[in-house]
PDB file of N, CA and C in Angstrom:
ATOM      1  N   UNK A   1       6.602 -19.951  35.323  1.00  0.00           N
ATOM      2  CA  UNK A   1       6.699 -20.438  33.713  1.00  0.00           C
ATOM      3  C   UNK A   1       6.004 -21.202  33.138  1.00  0.00           C
ATOM      4  N   UNK A   2       5.320 -21.067  32.143  1.00  0.00           N
ATOM      5  CA  UNK A   2       4.107 -22.267  31.509  1.00  0.00           C
ATOM      6  C   UNK A   2       4.918 -23.560  30.841  1.00  0.00           C
ATOM      7  N   UNK A   3       4.592 -24.508  31.218  1.00  0.00           N
ATOM      8  CA  UNK A   3       5.360 -25.631  30.414  1.00  0.00           C
ATOM      9  C   UNK A   3       4.760 -25.997  28.760  1.00  0.00           C
ATOM     10  N   UNK A   4       5.532 -26.003  27.929  1.00  0.00           N
ATOM     11  CA  UNK A   4       5.594 -26.336  26.727  1.00  0.00           C
ATOM     12  C   UNK A   4       6.317 -27.404  25.922  1.00  0.00           C
ATOM     13  N   UNK A   5       5.711 -28.392  25.079  1.00  0.00           N
ATOM     14  CA  UNK A   5       6.611 -29.244  24.681  1.00  0.00           C
ATOM     15  C   UNK A   5       7.074 -28.600  23.348  1.00  0.00           C
ATOM     16  N   UNK A   6       7.044 -27.422  23.058  1.00  0.00           N
ATOM     17  CA  UNK A   6       7.985 -26.649  22.071  1.00  0.00           C
ATOM     18  C   UNK A   6       9.463 -26.909  22.395  1.00  0.00           C
ATOM     19  N   UNK A   7      10.500 -27.168  21.759  1.00  0.00           N
ATOM     20  CA  UNK A   7      11.617 -26.647  21.658  1.00  0.00           C
ATOM     21  C   UNK A   7      11.765 -25.673  21.972  1.00  0.00           C
ATOM     22  N   UNK A   8      13.242 -25.243  22.951  1.00  0.00           N
ATOM     23  CA  UNK A   8      13.477 -23.696  23.042  1.00  0.00           C
ATOM     24  C   UNK A   8      14.084 -23.116  21.771  1.00  0.00           C
ATOM     25  N   UNK A   9      14.606 -23.722  20.978  1.00  0.00           N
ATOM     26  CA  UNK A   9      15.302 -23.502  20.126  1.00  0.00           C
ATOM     27  C   UNK A   9      14.201 -23.014  19.165  1.00  0.00           C
ATOM     28  N   UNK A  10      13.190 -23.385  18.905  1.00  0.00           N
ATOM     29  CA  UNK A  10      12.245 -23.217  18.035  1.00  0.00           C
ATOM     30  C   UNK A  10      11.387 -21.890  18.496  1.00  0.00           C
ATOM     31  N   UNK A  11      11.315 -21.956  19.867  1.00  0.00           N
ATOM     32  CA  UNK A  11      10.665 -20.518  20.324  1.00  0.00           C
ATOM     33  C   UNK A  11      11.323 -19.706  20.589  1.00  0.00           C
ATOM     34  N   UNK A  12      12.689 -19.670  20.455  1.00  0.00           N
ATOM     35  CA  UNK A  12      13.956 -18.498  20.666  1.00  0.00           C
ATOM     36  C   UNK A  12      13.819 -18.174  18.729  1.00  0.00           C
ATOM     37  N   UNK A  13      13.714 -19.314  17.996  1.00  0.00           N
ATOM     38  CA  UNK A  13      14.005 -18.850  16.631  1.00  0.00           C
ATOM     39  C   UNK A  13      12.633 -17.904  16.160  1.00  0.00           C
ATOM     40  N   UNK A  14      11.353 -18.175  16.643  1.00  0.00           N
ATOM     41  CA  UNK A  14      10.168 -17.375  16.319  1.00  0.00           C
ATOM     42  C   UNK A  14      10.187 -16.145  16.981  1.00  0.00           C
ATOM     43  N   UNK A  15      10.502 -16.100  18.309  1.00  0.00           N
ATOM     44  CA  UNK A  15      10.644 -14.865  19.038  1.00  0.00           C
ATOM     45  C   UNK A  15      11.505 -13.504  18.280  1.00  0.00           C
ATOM     46  N   UNK A  16      12.842 -14.271  17.604  1.00  0.00           N
ATOM     47  CA  UNK A  16      13.563 -13.309  16.986  1.00  0.00           C
ATOM     48  C   UNK A  16      12.762 -13.054  15.719  1.00  0.00           C
ATOM     49  N   UNK A  17      12.156 -13.873  15.087  1.00  0.00           N
ATOM     50  CA  UNK A  17      11.459 -13.248  13.914  1.00  0.00           C
ATOM     51  C   UNK A  17      10.471 -12.309  14.014  1.00  0.00           C
ATOM     52  N   UNK A  18       9.699 -12.737  15.104  1.00  0.00           N
ATOM     53  CA  UNK A  18       9.085 -11.422  15.268  1.00  0.00           C
ATOM     54  C   UNK A  18       9.511 -10.493  15.599  1.00  0.00           C
ATOM     55  N   UNK A  19      10.291 -10.117  16.716  1.00  0.00           N
ATOM     56  CA  UNK A  19      10.908  -9.272  17.046  1.00  0.00           C
ATOM     57  C   UNK A  19      11.615  -8.591  16.040  1.00  0.00           C
ATOM     58  N   UNK A  20      12.331  -9.181  14.696  1.00  0.00           N
ATOM     59  CA  UNK A  20      12.283  -8.358  13.709  1.00  0.00           C
ATOM     60  C   UNK A  20      11.590  -7.731  13.302  1.00  0.00           C
ATOM     61  N   UNK A  21      10.541  -7.716  12.685  1.00  0.00           N
ATOM     62  CA  UNK A  21       9.358  -7.501  12.251  1.00  0.00           C
ATOM     63  C   UNK A  21       8.682  -6.502  13.109  1.00  0.00           C
ATOM     64  N   UNK A  22       8.627  -6.181  14.398  1.00  0.00           N
ATOM     65  CA  UNK A  22       7.884  -5.661  15.191  1.00  0.00           C
ATOM     66  C   UNK A  22       8.698  -4.643  15.975  1.00  0.00           C
ATOM     67  N   UNK A  23       8.653  -3.347  16.153  1.00  0.00           N
ATOM     68  CA  UNK A  23       7.435  -2.652  16.273  1.00  0.00           C
ATOM     69  C   UNK A  23       7.155  -2.306  14.631  1.00  0.00           C
ATOM     70  N   UNK A  24       5.878  -2.697  14.082  1.00  0.00           N
ATOM     71  CA  UNK A  24       5.824  -1.928  12.757  1.00  0.00           C
ATOM     72  C   UNK A  24       5.736  -0.626  12.832  1.00  0.00           C
ATOM     73  N   UNK A  25       6.584   0.236  11.765  1.00  0.00           N
ATOM     74  CA  UNK A  25       6.646   1.689  11.438  1.00  0.00           C
ATOM     75  C   UNK A  25       5.794   2.046  10.565  1.00  0.00           C
ATOM     76  N   UNK A  26       5.131   1.422   9.788  1.00  0.00           N
ATOM     77  CA  UNK A  26       4.448   1.810   8.639  1.00  0.00           C
ATOM     78  C   UNK A  26       3.214   0.592   7.970  1.00  0.00           C
ATOM     79  N   UNK A  27       2.128   1.124   8.106  1.00  0.00           N
ATOM     80  CA  UNK A  27       1.187   0.375   7.500  1.00  0.00           C
ATOM     81  C   UNK A  27       0.575   1.097   6.253  1.00  0.00           C
ATOM     82  N   UNK A  28       0.787   0.823   5.227  1.00  0.00           N
ATOM     83  CA  UNK A  28       0.122   1.747   4.365  1.00  0.00           C
ATOM     84  C   UNK A  28      -1.185   0.433   3.648  1.00  0.00           C
ATOM     85  N   UNK A  29      -2.103   1.420   3.063  1.00  0.00           N
ATOM     86  CA  UNK A  29      -3.459   0.549   2.817  1.00  0.00           C
ATOM     87  C   UNK A  29      -4.110   1.598   1.945  1.00  0.00           C
ATOM     88  N   UNK A  30      -5.591   0.798   1.216  1.00  0.00           N
ATOM     89  CA  UNK A  30      -6.390   1.914   0.577  1.00  0.00           C
ATOM     90  C   UNK A  30      -7.060   2.641   1.231  1.00  0.00           C
ATOM     91  N   UNK A  31      -7.373   4.013   1.271  1.00  0.00           N
ATOM     92  CA  UNK A  31      -8.518   4.580   1.854  1.00  0.00           C
ATOM     93  C   UNK A  31      -9.475   4.031   2.351  1.00  0.00           C
ATOM     94  N   UNK A  32     -10.261   3.040   1.070  1.00  0.00           N
ATOM     95  CA  UNK A  32     -11.325   2.512   1.666  1.00  0.00           C
ATOM     96  C   UNK A  32     -11.333   1.056   2.821  1.00  0.00           C
ATOM     97  N   UNK A  33     -10.372   1.214   3.224  1.00  0.00           N
ATOM     98  CA  UNK A  33      -9.925   0.350   4.661  1.00  0.00           C
ATOM     99  C   UNK A  33      -9.685   1.120   5.749  1.00  0.00           C
ATOM    100  N   UNK A  34      -9.860   2.215   5.574  1.00  0.00           N
ATOM    101  CA  UNK A  34      -9.537   2.991   6.983  1.00  0.00           C
ATOM    102  C   UNK A  34     -10.857   2.466   7.679  1.00  0.00           C
ATOM    103  N   UNK A  35     -12.404   2.224   7.280  1.00  0.00           N
ATOM    104  CA  UNK A  35     -13.281   2.026   8.330  1.00  0.00           C
ATOM    105  C   UNK A  35     -13.229   0.548   8.976  1.00  0.00           C
ATOM    106  N   UNK A  36     -12.084  -0.338   8.245  1.00  0.00           N
ATOM    107  CA  UNK A  36     -12.036  -1.386   8.851  1.00  0.00           C
ATOM    108  C   UNK A  36     -11.025  -2.088   9.250  1.00  0.00           C
ATOM    109  N   UNK A  37     -10.129  -2.304   7.823  1.00  0.00           N
ATOM    110  CA  UNK A  37      -8.765  -2.850   8.268  1.00  0.00           C
ATOM    111  C   UNK A  37      -8.214  -2.653   9.171  1.00  0.00           C
ATOM    112  N   UNK A  38      -7.755  -0.867   8.568  1.00  0.00           N
ATOM    113  CA  UNK A  38      -7.033  -0.050   9.694  1.00  0.00           C
ATOM    114  C   UNK A  38      -7.048   0.148  10.671  1.00  0.00           C
ATOM    115  N   UNK A  39      -8.702   0.231  11.253  1.00  0.00           N
ATOM    116  CA  UNK A  39      -8.756   0.653  12.381  1.00  0.00           C
ATOM    117  C   UNK A  39      -8.712  -0.637  13.534  1.00  0.00           C
ATOM    118  N   UNK A  40      -9.302  -1.373  13.172  1.00  0.00           N
ATOM    119  CA  UNK A  40      -9.095  -3.088  13.788  1.00  0.00           C
ATOM    120  C   UNK A  40      -7.528  -3.378  13.553  1.00  0.00           C
ATOM    121  N   UNK A  41      -6.650  -2.817  12.926  1.00  0.00           N
ATOM    122  CA  UNK A  41      -5.492  -2.918  13.003  1.00  0.00           C
ATOM    123  C   UNK A  41      -4.976  -2.043  14.481  1.00  0.00           C
ATOM    124  N   UNK A  42      -5.459  -0.955  14.662  1.00  0.00           N
ATOM    125  CA  UNK A  42      -4.662   0.072  15.831  1.00  0.00           C
ATOM    126  C   UNK A  42      -5.701  -0.848  16.901  1.00  0.00           C
ATOM    127  N   UNK A  43      -6.763  -1.279  16.657  1.00  0.00           N
ATOM    128  CA  UNK A  43      -7.673  -1.881  17.865  1.00  0.00           C
ATOM    129  C   UNK A  43      -7.002  -3.062  18.393  1.00  0.00           C
ATOM    130  N   UNK A  44      -6.402  -4.223  17.581  1.00  0.00           N
ATOM    131  CA  UNK A  44      -5.869  -5.187  18.003  1.00  0.00           C
ATOM    132  C   UNK A  44      -4.601  -4.845  18.817  1.00  0.00           C
ATOM    133  N   UNK A  45      -3.714  -3.972  17.931  1.00  0.00           N
ATOM    134  CA  UNK A  45      -2.521  -3.470  18.437  1.00  0.00           C
ATOM    135  C   UNK A  45      -2.457  -3.035  20.273  1.00  0.00           C
ATOM    136  N   UNK A  46      -3.358  -2.287  20.299  1.00  0.00           N
ATOM    137  CA  UNK A  46      -3.799  -1.636  21.972  1.00  0.00           C
ATOM    138  C   UNK A  46      -4.150  -2.765  22.620  1.00  0.00           C
ATOM    139  N   UNK A  47      -5.277  -3.805  22.312  1.00  0.00           N
ATOM    140  CA  UNK A  47      -6.080  -4.684  23.094  1.00  0.00           C
ATOM    141  C   UNK A  47      -4.681  -5.802  23.411  1.00  0.00           C
ATOM    142  N   UNK A  48      -3.473  -6.477  22.036  1.00  0.00           N
ATOM    143  CA  UNK A  48      -2.513  -7.007  22.806  1.00  0.00           C
ATOM    144  C   UNK A  48      -1.741  -6.706  23.709  1.00  0.00           C
ATOM    145  N   UNK A  49      -1.474  -5.404  23.436  1.00  0.00           N
ATOM    146  CA  UNK A  49      -0.198  -4.399  24.446  1.00  0.00           C
ATOM    147  C   UNK A  49      -0.762  -3.298  24.538  1.00  0.00           C
ATOM    148  N   UNK A  50      -1.920  -3.300  25.813  1.00  0.00           N
ATOM    149  CA  UNK A  50      -2.197  -2.164  26.271  1.00  0.00           C
ATOM    150  C   UNK A  50      -0.974  -1.407  27.037  1.00  0.00           C
ATOM    151  N   UNK A  51      -0.361  -2.128  27.489  1.00  0.00           N
ATOM    152  CA  UNK A  51       1.029  -1.567  28.574  1.00  0.00           C
ATOM    153  C   UNK A  51       2.394  -1.214  27.285  1.00  0.00           C
ATOM    154  N   UNK A  52       2.337  -1.382  26.408  1.00  0.00           N
ATOM    155  CA  UNK A  52       3.504  -1.784  25.688  1.00  0.00           C
ATOM    156  C   UNK A  52       3.474  -0.685  24.725  1.00  0.00           C
ATOM    157  N   UNK A  53       3.485   0.402  24.470  1.00  0.00           N
ATOM    158  CA  UNK A  53       2.816   1.471  23.668  1.00  0.00           C
ATOM    159  C   UNK A  53       4.245   1.197  22.500  1.00  0.00           C
ATOM    160  N   UNK A  54       5.377   0.695  22.677  1.00  0.00           N
ATOM    161  CA  UNK A  54       6.497   0.354  21.873  1.00  0.00           C
ATOM    162  C   UNK A  54       5.900  -0.560  20.744  1.00  0.00           C
ATOM    163  N   UNK A  55       5.119  -1.176  21.005  1.00  0.00           N
ATOM    164  CA  UNK A  55       4.718  -2.000  20.646  1.00  0.00           C
ATOM    165  C   UNK A  55       3.437  -1.963  19.249  1.00  0.00           C
ATOM    166  N   UNK A  56       2.745  -0.494  19.240  1.00  0.00           N
ATOM    167  CA  UNK A  56       1.913  -0.126  18.470  1.00  0.00           C
ATOM    168  C   UNK A  56       2.579   0.548  16.980  1.00  0.00           C
ATOM    169  N   UNK A  57       1.755   0.427  16.587  1.00  0.00           N
ATOM    170  CA  UNK A  57       1.701   0.660  15.008  1.00  0.00           C
ATOM    171  C   UNK A  57       2.600   2.618  15.061  1.00  0.00           C
ATOM    172  N   UNK A  58       3.322   3.043  14.611  1.00  0.00           N
ATOM    173  CA  UNK A  58       3.800   4.365  14.735  1.00  0.00           C
ATOM    174  C   UNK A  58       3.187   5.144  13.512  1.00  0.00           C
ATOM    175  N   UNK A  59       2.610   4.435  12.236  1.00  0.00           N
ATOM    176  CA  UNK A  59       2.345   5.276  10.981  1.00  0.00           C
ATOM    177  C   UNK A  59       1.238   4.067  10.720  1.00  0.00           C
ATOM    178  N   UNK A  60       0.162   5.380   9.941  1.00  0.00           N
ATOM    179  CA  UNK A  60      -0.748   4.776   8.782  1.00  0.00           C
ATOM    180  C   UNK A  60      -0.546   5.649   7.933  1.00  0.00           C
ATOM    181  N   UNK A  61      -0.652   5.058   6.679  1.00  0.00           N
ATOM    182  CA  UNK A  61      -0.891   5.435   5.143  1.00  0.00           C
ATOM    183  C   UNK A  61      -2.109   4.974   4.507  1.00  0.00           C
ATOM    184  N   UNK A  62      -3.012   5.988   4.122  1.00  0.00           N
ATOM    185  CA  UNK A  62      -3.857   5.680   3.154  1.00  0.00           C
ATOM    186  C   UNK A  62      -3.973   6.064   1.831  1.00  0.00           C
ATOM    187  N   UNK A  63      -3.781   5.147   1.382  1.00  0.00           N
ATOM    188  CA  UNK A  63      -3.428   5.543  -0.029  1.00  0.00           C
ATOM    189  C   UNK A  63      -4.999   6.068  -1.137  1.00  0.00           C
ATOM    190  N   UNK A  64      -5.018   6.509  -2.161  1.00  0.00           N
ATOM    191  CA  UNK A  64      -6.147   7.043  -2.717  1.00  0.00           C
ATOM    192  C   UNK A  64      -6.251   5.860  -4.122  1.00  0.00           C
ATOM    193  N   UNK A  65      -7.190   6.002  -4.909  1.00  0.00           N
ATOM    194  CA  UNK A  65      -7.537   5.417  -6.112  1.00  0.00           C
ATOM    195  C   UNK A  65      -6.694   5.971  -7.230  1.00  0.00           C
ATOM    196  N   UNK A  66      -6.293   5.223  -7.959  1.00  0.00           N
ATOM    197  CA  UNK A  66      -5.947   5.912  -9.148  1.00  0.00           C
ATOM    198  C   UNK A  66      -7.161   6.085 -10.168  1.00  0.00           C
ATOM    199  N   UNK A  67      -7.301   7.352 -10.995  1.00  0.00           N
ATOM    200  CA  UNK A  67      -8.340   6.961 -11.981  1.00  0.00           C
ATOM    201  C   UNK A  67      -7.536   7.030 -13.561  1.00  0.00           C
ATOM    202  N   UNK A  68      -8.175   6.506 -14.139  1.00  0.00           N
ATOM    203  CA  UNK A  68      -7.935   6.581 -15.940  1.00  0.00           C
ATOM    204  C   UNK A  68      -8.854   7.563 -16.779  1.00  0.00           C
ATOM    205  N   UNK A  69      -8.111   8.837 -17.326  1.00  0.00           N
ATOM    206  CA  UNK A  69      -8.173   9.393 -17.942  1.00  0.00           C
ATOM    207  C   UNK A  69     -10.003  10.187 -17.179  1.00  0.00           C
ATOM    208  N   UNK A  70      -9.693  10.334 -15.826  1.00  0.00           N
ATOM    209  CA  UNK A  70     -10.995  10.835 -14.760  1.00  0.00           C
ATOM    210  C   UNK A  70     -11.874  10.123 -14.593  1.00  0.00           C
ATOM    211  N   UNK A  71     -11.549   8.788 -14.956  1.00  0.00           N
ATOM    212  CA  UNK A  71     -12.996   7.924 -14.395  1.00  0.00           C
ATOM    213  C   UNK A  71     -12.503   6.513 -13.987  1.00  0.00           C
ATOM    214  N   UNK A  72     -13.123   6.069 -12.710  1.00  0.00           N
ATOM    215  CA  UNK A  72     -12.627   5.290 -12.062  1.00  0.00           C
ATOM    216  C   UNK A  72     -12.070   4.064 -12.853  1.00  0.00           C
ATOM    217  N   UNK A  73     -11.139   3.087 -12.367  1.00  0.00           N
ATOM    218  CA  UNK A  73     -10.972   2.044 -13.626  1.00  0.00           C
ATOM    219  C   UNK A  73     -11.540   0.648 -12.566  1.00  0.00           C
ATOM    220  N   UNK A  74     -12.256   0.325 -14.343  1.00  0.00           N
ATOM    221  CA  UNK A  74     -13.139  -0.619 -13.677  1.00  0.00           C
ATOM    222  C   UNK A  74     -12.978  -1.794 -14.672  1.00  0.00           C
ATOM    223  N   UNK A  75     -12.785  -3.004 -14.653  1.00  0.00           N
ATOM    224  CA  UNK A  75     -12.753  -4.185 -15.570  1.00  0.00           C
ATOM    225  C   UNK A  75     -14.164  -4.260 -16.306  1.00  0.00           C
ATOM    226  N   UNK A  76     -14.549  -3.844 -15.233  1.00  0.00           N
ATOM    227  CA  UNK A  76     -16.182  -4.281 -16.286  1.00  0.00           C
ATOM    228  C   UNK A  76     -16.796  -3.100 -16.831  1.00  0.00           C
ATOM    229  N   UNK A  77     -16.003  -2.246 -16.972  1.00  0.00           N
ATOM    230  CA  UNK A  77     -16.652  -1.138 -17.895  1.00  0.00           C
ATOM    231  C   UNK A  77     -15.407  -1.171 -19.139  1.00  0.00           C
ATOM    232  N   UNK A  78     -14.484  -1.887 -18.907  1.00  0.00           N
ATOM    233  CA  UNK A  78     -13.250  -1.576 -19.775  1.00  0.00           C
ATOM    234  C   UNK A  78     -12.570  -0.541 -19.311  1.00  0.00           C
ATOM    235  N   UNK A  79     -12.475  -0.006 -18.610  1.00  0.00           N
ATOM    236  CA  UNK A  79     -11.896   1.383 -17.871  1.00  0.00           C
ATOM    237  C   UNK A  79     -10.581   0.911 -17.289  1.00  0.00           C
ATOM    238  N   UNK A  80     -10.005   0.375 -18.107  1.00  0.00           N
ATOM    239  CA  UNK A  80      -8.832  -0.607 -17.107  1.00  0.00           C
ATOM    240  C   UNK A  80      -7.668  -0.642 -17.624  1.00  0.00           C
ATOM    241  N   UNK A  81      -6.385  -0.261 -17.190  1.00  0.00           N
ATOM    242  CA  UNK A  81      -5.007  -0.281 -17.863  1.00  0.00           C
ATOM    243  C   UNK A  81      -3.899  -1.301 -16.594  1.00  0.00           C
ATOM    244  N   UNK A  82      -3.654  -2.408 -17.026  1.00  0.00           N
ATOM    245  CA  UNK A  82      -3.002  -3.089 -15.856  1.00  0.00           C
ATOM    246  C   UNK A  82      -1.322  -2.532 -16.385  1.00  0.00           C
ATOM    247  N   UNK A  83      -0.579  -2.441 -15.027  1.00  0.00           N
ATOM    248  CA  UNK A  83       1.067  -2.209 -15.249  1.00  0.00           C
ATOM    249  C   UNK A  83       1.810  -2.505 -16.276  1.00  0.00           C
ATOM    250  N   UNK A  84       1.920  -3.830 -16.682  1.00  0.00           N
ATOM    251  CA  UNK A  84       2.487  -4.415 -17.840  1.00  0.00           C
ATOM    252  C   UNK A  84       1.691  -3.602 -19.234  1.00  0.00           C
ATOM    253  N   UNK A  85       0.648  -3.775 -19.201  1.00  0.00           N
ATOM    254  CA  UNK A  85      -0.001  -3.191 -20.454  1.00  0.00           C
ATOM    255  C   UNK A  85       0.503  -1.756 -20.618  1.00  0.00           C
ATOM    256  N   UNK A  86       0.532  -0.950 -19.410  1.00  0.00           N
ATOM    257  CA  UNK A  86       0.566   0.550 -19.327  1.00  0.00           C
ATOM    258  C   UNK A  86       2.214   0.369 -19.870  1.00  0.00           C
ATOM    259  N   UNK A  87       3.114  -0.215 -19.422  1.00  0.00           N
ATOM    260  CA  UNK A  87       4.671  -0.134 -19.863  1.00  0.00           C
ATOM    261  C   UNK A  87       4.927  -0.854 -20.911  1.00  0.00           C
ATOM    262  N   UNK A  88       4.267  -1.608 -22.072  1.00  0.00           N
ATOM    263  CA  UNK A  88       4.024  -2.120 -23.250  1.00  0.00           C
ATOM    264  C   UNK A  88       3.997  -1.038 -24.196  1.00  0.00           C
ATOM    265  N   UNK A  89       2.824  -0.197 -24.024  1.00  0.00           N
ATOM    266  CA  UNK A  89       2.158   0.830 -24.733  1.00  0.00           C
ATOM    267  C   UNK A  89       3.257   2.096 -24.372  1.00  0.00           C
ATOM    268  N   UNK A  90       3.257   2.449 -23.283  1.00  0.00           N
ATOM    269  CA  UNK A  90       3.934   3.697 -23.356  1.00  0.00           C
ATOM    270  C   UNK A  90       5.798   3.651 -22.816  1.00  0.00           C
ATOM    271  N   UNK A  91       5.800   2.376 -22.437  1.00  0.00           N
ATOM    272  CA  UNK A  91       7.283   2.580 -22.063  1.00  0.00           C
ATOM    273  C   UNK A  91       7.219   3.151 -20.623  1.00  0.00           C
ATOM    274  N   UNK A  92       8.604   3.075 -19.816  1.00  0.00           N
ATOM    275  CA  UNK A  92       8.904   3.213 -18.639  1.00  0.00           C
ATOM    276  C   UNK A  92       9.052   5.241 -18.397  1.00  0.00           C
ATOM    277  N   UNK A  93       9.592   5.788 -19.610  1.00  0.00           N
ATOM    278  CA  UNK A  93       9.622   7.200 -19.481  1.00  0.00           C
ATOM    279  C   UNK A  93       8.145   7.891 -19.782  1.00  0.00           C
ATOM    280  N   UNK A  94       7.363   7.335 -20.616  1.00  0.00           N
ATOM    281  CA  UNK A  94       6.071   8.167 -20.597  1.00  0.00           C
ATOM    282  C   UNK A  94       5.151   7.571 -19.219  1.00  0.00           C
ATOM    283  N   UNK A  95       5.661   6.220 -18.820  1.00  0.00           N
ATOM    284  CA  UNK A  95       4.226   6.091 -17.360  1.00  0.00           C
ATOM    285  C   UNK A  95       5.566   7.100 -16.583  1.00  0.00           C
ATOM    286  N   UNK A  96       6.177   7.524 -16.432  1.00  0.00           N
ATOM    287  CA  UNK A  96       6.661   8.185 -15.353  1.00  0.00           C
ATOM    288  C   UNK A  96       6.361   9.580 -15.516  1.00  0.00           C
ATOM    289  N   UNK A  97       6.337  10.093 -16.978  1.00  0.00           N
ATOM    290  CA  UNK A  97       5.812  11.463 -17.107  1.00  0.00           C
ATOM    291  C   UNK A  97       4.317  11.175 -16.634  1.00  0.00           C
ATOM    292  N   UNK A  98       3.513  10.679 -16.888  1.00  0.00           N
ATOM    293  CA  UNK A  98       1.997  10.489 -16.760  1.00  0.00           C
ATOM    294  C   UNK A  98       1.547  10.127 -15.364  1.00  0.00           C
ATOM    295  N   UNK A  99       2.341   9.601 -14.782  1.00  0.00           N
ATOM    296  CA  UNK A  99       2.317   9.436 -13.255  1.00  0.00           C
ATOM    297  C   UNK A  99       2.770  10.592 -12.562  1.00  0.00           C
ATOM    298  N   UNK A 100       3.806  11.132 -12.902  1.00  0.00           N
ATOM    299  CA  UNK A 100       4.317  12.375 -12.217  1.00  0.00           C
ATOM    300  C   UNK A 100       3.393  13.858 -12.357  1.00  0.00           C
ATOM    301  N   UNK A 101       2.294  13.537 -13.545  1.00  0.00           N
ATOM    302  CA  UNK A 101       1.445  14.538 -13.908  1.00  0.00           C
ATOM    303  C   UNK A 101       0.184  14.045 -13.253  1.00  0.00           C
ATOM    304  N   UNK A 102      -0.065  12.611 -12.505  1.00  0.00           N
ATOM    305  CA  UNK A 102      -1.141  12.568 -12.067  1.00  0.00           C
ATOM    306  C   UNK A 102      -1.991  13.069 -10.777  1.00  0.00           C
ATOM    307  N   UNK A 103      -1.141  14.115 -10.222  1.00  0.00           N
ATOM    308  CA  UNK A 103      -1.341  14.710  -9.020  1.00  0.00           C
ATOM    309  C   UNK A 103      -0.533  14.198  -7.444  1.00  0.00           C
ATOM    310  N   UNK A 104      -0.726  15.062  -6.868  1.00  0.00           N
ATOM    311  CA  UNK A 104       0.288  14.788  -5.522  1.00  0.00           C
ATOM    312  C   UNK A 104      -0.447  15.715  -4.359  1.00  0.00           C
ATOM    313  N   UNK A 105      -2.382  15.953  -4.530  1.00  0.00           N
ATOM    314  CA  UNK A 105      -2.552  16.159  -3.990  1.00  0.00           C
ATOM    315  C   UNK A 105      -3.757  14.759  -2.962  1.00  0.00           C
ATOM    316  N   UNK A 106      -4.397  15.200  -2.029  1.00  0.00           N
ATOM    317  CA  UNK A 106      -4.863  14.490  -1.263  1.00  0.00           C
ATOM    318  C   UNK A 106      -6.288  13.902  -2.292  1.00  0.00           C
ATOM    319  N   UNK A 107      -6.357  14.182  -3.702  1.00  0.00           N
ATOM    320  CA  UNK A 107      -7.114  13.511  -4.398  1.00  0.00           C
ATOM    321  C   UNK A 107      -6.797  12.204  -4.941  1.00  0.00           C
ATOM    322  N   UNK A 108      -7.599  11.559  -5.565  1.00  0.00           N
ATOM    323  CA  UNK A 108      -7.162  10.290  -6.253  1.00  0.00           C
ATOM    324  C   UNK A 108      -6.287  11.235  -7.777  1.00  0.00           C
ATOM    325  N   UNK A 109      -5.247   9.874  -7.597  1.00  0.00           N
ATOM    326  CA  UNK A 109      -4.157  10.247  -8.809  1.00  0.00           C
ATOM    327  C   UNK A 109      -5.219  10.471 -10.119  1.00  0.00           C
ATOM    328  N   UNK A 110      -5.001  10.529 -11.133  1.00  0.00           N
ATOM    329  CA  UNK A 110      -5.371  10.704 -12.668  1.00  0.00           C
ATOM    330  C   UNK A 110      -4.415  10.486 -13.468  1.00  0.00           C
ATOM    331  N   UNK A 111      -4.376   8.950 -14.377  1.00  0.00           N
ATOM    332  CA  UNK A 111      -3.325   8.770 -15.274  1.00  0.00           C
ATOM    333  C   UNK A 111      -4.071   8.919 -16.227  1.00  0.00           C
ATOM    334  N   UNK A 112      -3.601  10.075 -17.009  1.00  0.00           N
ATOM    335  CA  UNK A 112      -4.196  10.792 -18.609  1.00  0.00           C
ATOM    336  C   UNK A 112      -2.943  10.083 -19.296  1.00  0.00           C
ATOM    337  N   UNK A 113      -3.785   8.726 -20.286  1.00  0.00           N
ATOM    338  CA  UNK A 113      -3.214   8.494 -21.461  1.00  0.00           C
ATOM    339  C   UNK A 113      -2.688   9.829 -22.312  1.00  0.00           C
ATOM    340  N   UNK A 114      -3.205  10.541 -22.933  1.00  0.00           N
ATOM    341  CA  UNK A 114      -2.715  11.413 -23.648  1.00  0.00           C
ATOM    342  C   UNK A 114      -1.571  12.251 -22.899  1.00  0.00           C
ATOM    343  N   UNK A 115      -1.341  12.454 -21.978  1.00  0.00           N
ATOM    344  CA  UNK A 115      -0.163  13.048 -21.596  1.00  0.00           C
ATOM    345  C   UNK A 115       0.990  11.862 -21.433  1.00  0.00           C
ATOM    346  N   UNK A 116       0.433  10.402 -21.346  1.00  0.00           N
ATOM    347  CA  UNK A 116       1.797   9.416 -21.585  1.00  0.00           C
ATOM    348  C   UNK A 116       1.852   9.467 -23.081  1.00  0.00           C
ATOM    349  N   UNK A 117       1.159   9.522 -24.283  1.00  0.00           N
ATOM    350  CA  UNK A 117       1.515   9.486 -25.435  1.00  0.00           C
ATOM    351  C   UNK A 117       2.030  10.987 -25.878  1.00  0.00           C
ATOM    352  N   UNK A 118       1.996  12.039 -25.725  1.00  0.00           N
ATOM    353  CA  UNK A 118       2.469  13.633 -25.659  1.00  0.00           C
ATOM    354  C   UNK A 118       3.967  13.113 -25.368  1.00  0.00           C
ATOM    355  N   UNK A 119       4.159  12.448 -24.091  1.00  0.00           N
ATOM    356  CA  UNK A 119       5.106  12.531 -23.231  1.00  0.00           C
ATOM    357  C   UNK A 119       6.126  11.540 -24.064  1.00  0.00           C
ATOM    358  N   UNK A 120       5.829  10.544 -24.557  1.00  0.00           N
ATOM    359  CA  UNK A 120       6.679   9.523 -25.255  1.00  0.00           C
ATOM    360  C   UNK A 120       7.155  10.595 -26.841  1.00  0.00           C
ATOM    361  N   UNK A 121       6.028  11.404 -27.483  1.00  0.00           N
ATOM    362  CA  UNK A 121       6.374  11.797 -28.441  1.00  0.00           C
ATOM    363  C   UNK A 121       7.496  12.547 -27.947  1.00  0.00           C
ATOM    364  N   UNK A 122       7.400  13.594 -27.235  1.00  0.00           N
ATOM    365  CA  UNK A 122       8.018  14.171 -27.088  1.00  0.00           C
ATOM    366  C   UNK A 122       9.690  14.140 -26.864  1.00  0.00           C
ATOM    367  N   UNK A 123       9.832  13.041 -26.060  1.00  0.00           N
ATOM    368  CA  UNK A 123      10.976  12.162 -25.916  1.00  0.00           C
ATOM    369  C   UNK A 123      11.630  11.948 -27.224  1.00  0.00           C
TER     370      UNK A 123
END
């Protein structure tokens, strides 16, 4: 057994913290990160625990992007809406309606301000 100056209680505390979080059930990230972050996430786990498959991630989900009125959101172009600004402008119910209408396919979701506006008026 390797010798260390770290106290047994500290090692046990670290081990308990680690085993609380592992194995990871789901890693969610942006679809643009599949080629690097998510791929290396798998590589790292299989390299560290080549024979302990129970320590490998059990699921990965790639999120799409959110479009605003069918255009990519970008601060530099001015086509940008923060969550706080949207809630202030449309309220929670208007947001829910617009997000429910934004799409549920593999395509990027499209938040349409007209839908949020008309939803608020209908309510």
